[in-house]
Amino acid sequence: MEPYIHVEWQWLTLLFATVPMCLILLLLTILQSMRTKTGIWKTSILPVLQALDGRVKSDLGNLSHLHQTAARSDSILVSLKKEDGHWVLVDRKG
């Protein structure tokens, strides 16, 4: 009995093309972040607050300078409340 294997090369080609393209995209993202000196926001809630609430966004200002934004955020207090079946950020007066 002779073994018979049929390889679908188009699927392997897709795999071999996708992996290098992902690596190129990652490299371009890293280079652009380095060039624009983008801060690391992965552990910060500040971008979420700015995206969700208009008042907080105006109080925080531009998020391009991490240290200035962090200093301004110390005076902002918000709470997450459920209103009319939706979660919203509301001012929490101290």
Protein backbone atom coordinates (compact mmCIF):
# COMPACT_ATOMS: atom_id res chain seq x y z
CA MET A 1 0.00 0.00 0.00
CA GLU A 2 1.35 3.41 -1.01
CA PRO A 3 0.81 6.39 1.35
CA TYR A 4 -0.98 9.31 -0.24
CA ILE A 5 -0.95 12.85 1.13
CA HIS A 6 -2.62 15.76 -0.58
CA VAL A 7 -1.32 19.14 0.59
CA GLU A 8 -3.49 22.23 0.14
CA TRP A 9 -0.68 24.69 -0.56
CA GLN A 10 -2.91 27.77 -0.69
CA TRP A 11 -3.67 27.40 3.04
CA LEU A 12 0.00 27.01 3.91
CA THR A 13 0.80 30.03 1.75
CA LEU A 14 -1.79 32.05 3.67
CA LEU A 15 -0.20 31.02 6.97
CA PHE A 16 3.34 31.77 5.78
CA ALA A 17 2.24 35.18 4.47
CA THR A 18 0.24 36.18 7.56
CA VAL A 19 3.00 35.66 10.12
CA PRO A 20 5.58 37.93 8.41
CA MET A 21 2.91 40.58 7.75
CA CYS A 22 2.01 40.60 11.47
CA LEU A 23 5.67 40.98 12.39
CA ILE A 24 6.04 43.87 9.94
CA LEU A 25 2.95 45.56 11.41
CA LEU A 26 4.33 45.13 14.93
CA LEU A 27 7.69 46.58 13.91
CA LEU A 28 6.07 49.58 12.20
CA THR A 29 3.92 50.22 15.28
CA ILE A 30 6.97 50.11 17.54
CA LEU A 31 8.91 52.46 15.27
CA GLN A 32 6.04 54.95 15.04
CA SER A 33 5.58 54.91 18.82
CA MET A 34 9.28 55.55 19.33
CA ARG A 35 9.32 58.36 16.76
CA THR A 36 6.31 60.17 18.27
CA LYS A 37 7.45 59.41 21.84
CA THR A 38 4.08 57.90 22.70
CA GLY A 39 3.66 57.19 26.40
CA ILE A 40 2.77 53.78 27.77
CA TRP A 41 -0.88 53.75 28.82
CA LYS A 42 -1.46 50.03 29.35
CA THR A 43 -1.83 50.33 33.13
CA SER A 44 -3.61 53.68 33.25
CA ILE A 45 -7.34 54.36 33.46
CA LEU A 46 -6.89 57.97 32.24
CA PRO A 47 -7.52 57.29 28.52
CA VAL A 48 -10.75 55.48 29.42
CA LEU A 49 -11.90 58.39 31.57
CA GLN A 50 -11.14 60.82 28.78
CA ALA A 51 -13.03 58.72 26.24
CA LEU A 52 -16.12 58.27 28.41
CA ASP A 53 -16.81 61.61 30.06
CA GLY A 54 -16.74 65.08 28.49
CA ARG A 55 -16.06 66.99 31.72
CA VAL A 56 -13.17 64.73 32.63
CA LYS A 57 -11.81 65.10 29.11
CA SER A 58 -11.80 68.89 29.37
CA ASP A 59 -10.29 68.78 32.88
CA LEU A 60 -7.49 66.43 31.83
CA GLY A 61 -6.67 68.29 28.64
CA ASN A 62 -4.29 66.78 26.10
CA LEU A 63 -3.10 63.29 27.01
CA SER A 64 0.22 63.65 25.20
CA HIS A 65 2.15 64.42 28.40
CA LEU A 66 1.71 61.57 30.85
CA HIS A 67 3.14 63.31 33.93
CA GLN A 68 1.06 66.49 33.52
CA THR A 69 -2.11 64.49 32.94
CA ALA A 70 -1.45 62.28 35.96
CA ALA A 71 -0.97 65.37 38.14
CA ARG A 72 -4.24 66.93 36.91
CA SER A 73 -6.13 63.67 37.41
CA ASP A 74 -5.45 63.67 41.16
CA SER A 75 -8.19 66.27 41.65
CA ILE A 76 -10.85 64.43 39.62
CA LEU A 77 -13.25 62.04 41.33
CA VAL A 78 -15.75 59.98 39.33
CA SER A 79 -18.00 57.01 40.01
CA LEU A 80 -19.49 54.42 37.71
CA LYS A 81 -23.29 54.32 38.11
CA LYS A 82 -26.04 52.50 36.29
CA GLU A 83 -28.61 54.96 34.94
CA ASP A 84 -31.52 53.88 32.73
CA GLY A 85 -29.89 50.51 32.11
CA HIS A 86 -26.56 52.01 30.98
CA TRP A 87 -23.32 52.49 32.87
CA VAL A 88 -22.14 56.11 33.02
CA LEU A 89 -19.40 58.07 34.75
CA VAL A 90 -20.68 60.71 37.14
CA ASP A 91 -18.88 63.36 39.17
CA ARG A 92 -18.25 62.31 42.72
CA LYS A 93 -18.13 65.42 44.82
CA GLY A 94 -15.71 65.04 47.73
